[in-house]
Protein backbone atom coordinates (compact mmCIF):
# COMPACT_ATOMS: atom_id res chain seq x y z
CA MET A 1 -41.67 59.60 -77.83
CA LEU A 2 -42.15 63.31 -78.40
CA VAL A 3 -44.72 65.08 -76.26
CA LYS A 4 -47.98 65.74 -78.14
CA GLU A 5 -47.50 69.52 -78.23
CA ASN A 6 -44.08 69.05 -79.86
CA ARG A 7 -45.44 67.23 -82.93
CA LEU A 8 -46.44 68.64 -86.28
CA LYS A 9 -49.50 66.69 -87.36
CA ASN A 10 -51.74 68.66 -89.70
CA LYS A 11 -51.11 68.65 -93.43
CA LYS A 12 -51.73 72.40 -93.35
CA ASP A 13 -48.86 72.92 -90.87
CA PHE A 14 -46.53 70.76 -92.96
CA ASP A 15 -47.47 72.68 -96.12
CA ILE A 16 -46.78 76.05 -94.49
CA VAL A 17 -43.31 74.94 -93.35
CA PHE A 18 -42.53 73.40 -96.77
CA ARG A 19 -43.67 76.54 -98.59
CA GLU A 20 -42.30 79.27 -96.33
CA GLY A 21 -39.54 77.54 -94.36
CA LYS A 22 -35.82 77.97 -94.85
CA GLY A 23 -33.89 74.85 -95.87
CA TYR A 24 -30.59 73.41 -94.65
CA LYS A 25 -28.95 70.32 -96.11
CA GLY A 26 -26.78 67.77 -94.36
CA ASP A 27 -25.35 64.48 -95.61
CA PHE A 28 -28.50 62.40 -95.08
CA LEU A 29 -30.99 65.01 -93.82
CA PHE A 30 -32.70 68.07 -95.19
CA LEU A 31 -34.11 70.46 -92.61
CA LYS A 32 -36.93 72.98 -93.11
CA VAL A 33 -37.41 75.62 -90.40
CA LYS A 34 -40.06 78.28 -89.89
CA ASN A 35 -40.99 80.43 -86.89
CA ASN A 36 -44.38 79.51 -85.42
CA ASN A 37 -45.01 82.29 -82.85
CA LEU A 38 -45.86 79.69 -80.19
CA GLY A 39 -44.03 79.20 -76.91
CA PHE A 40 -42.70 75.81 -77.97
CA SER A 41 -41.14 74.05 -80.95
CA ARG A 42 -42.87 71.44 -83.10
CA PHE A 43 -41.23 68.69 -85.14
CA GLY A 44 -42.22 66.66 -88.18
CA ILE A 45 -40.33 63.79 -89.81
CA VAL A 46 -40.64 62.70 -93.43
CA VAL A 47 -39.15 59.38 -94.56
CA GLY A 48 -40.06 58.67 -98.18
CA LYS A 49 -40.00 55.49 -100.22
CA LYS A 50 -36.77 56.63 -101.90
CA VAL A 51 -35.05 55.83 -98.60
CA SER A 52 -36.52 52.32 -98.40
CA ASN A 53 -39.50 50.47 -99.83
CA LYS A 54 -39.90 48.62 -96.52
CA ALA A 55 -42.17 50.30 -93.98
CA VAL A 56 -40.30 48.57 -91.14
CA ILE A 57 -37.09 50.40 -92.05
CA ARG A 58 -38.84 53.75 -92.60
CA ASN A 59 -40.55 53.48 -89.20
CA LYS A 60 -37.26 52.52 -87.52
CA ILE A 61 -35.65 55.67 -88.91
CA LYS A 62 -38.59 57.79 -87.69
CA ARG A 63 -38.41 56.27 -84.21
CA ARG A 64 -34.68 56.97 -84.00
CA LEU A 65 -35.07 60.56 -85.18
CA ARG A 66 -37.94 61.18 -82.74
CA GLU A 67 -35.81 59.90 -79.85
CA ILE A 68 -32.89 62.12 -80.88
CA LEU A 69 -35.18 65.16 -81.07
CA ARG A 70 -36.78 64.29 -77.72
CA LYS A 71 -33.34 64.31 -76.06
CA LYS A 72 -32.45 67.65 -77.64
CA THR A 73 -35.80 69.42 -77.07
CA ASP A 74 -34.51 71.43 -74.10
CA ARG A 75 -31.53 72.76 -76.12
CA ILE A 76 -33.54 73.65 -79.24
CA LYS A 77 -34.72 77.23 -79.71
CA LYS A 78 -38.39 77.74 -78.76
CA GLY A 79 -41.02 78.94 -81.21
CA VAL A 80 -40.00 77.15 -84.42
CA ASP A 81 -41.53 74.45 -86.60
CA ILE A 82 -38.94 71.96 -87.85
CA ILE A 83 -39.32 69.27 -90.49
CA LEU A 84 -36.60 66.65 -90.96
CA ILE A 85 -36.66 65.13 -94.43
CA THR A 86 -34.50 62.05 -94.85
CA LEU A 87 -32.37 61.37 -97.89
CA PRO A 88 -31.28 57.99 -99.32
CA GLY A 89 -28.35 56.48 -97.44
CA ILE A 90 -29.71 57.27 -93.99
CA GLU A 91 -30.96 53.69 -93.59
CA LYS A 92 -27.34 52.47 -93.39
CA GLN A 93 -26.41 54.83 -90.55
CA GLY A 94 -26.22 53.82 -86.91
CA PHE A 95 -27.89 55.67 -84.05
CA LYS A 96 -24.75 57.63 -83.11
CA ASP A 97 -24.21 58.68 -86.74
CA LEU A 98 -27.82 59.88 -86.92
CA GLU A 99 -27.40 61.79 -83.68
CA ASN A 100 -24.28 63.53 -85.00
CA GLU A 101 -26.01 64.33 -88.31
CA VAL A 102 -29.04 65.88 -86.56
CA GLU A 103 -26.74 67.89 -84.30
CA LYS A 104 -24.75 69.13 -87.30
CA VAL A 105 -27.83 70.21 -89.28
CA LEU A 106 -29.44 71.92 -86.27
CA LYS A 107 -26.23 73.86 -85.62
CA LYS A 108 -26.06 74.82 -89.28
CA ALA A 109 -29.60 76.22 -89.01
CA GLU A 110 -28.58 78.00 -85.75
CA ILE A 111 -31.39 76.33 -83.80
CA ILE A 112 -29.11 74.88 -81.09
């Protein structure tokens, strides 16, 4: 579980990152990044119904992504807001594949 300070929660914060953030696309993930001028990074995860109609599967994907981000928090650049948006096909990926995909997209965005 991500620490409370490392979570994006407010709709306003999500909207700012969506509007002003820079985007990076991977195979099954789309990443939006924006500087937040805080001393720590915050993360948000969006798993839409296009990925799966079943809430159980969407929540499983969110839990996996949160765990991956929690492990990488110390390596991720401080002071950025990051939103991970999942794309269809991610529900068929295993944990290791997800971990590699997150790593690839974060490197592409030069956050790691």
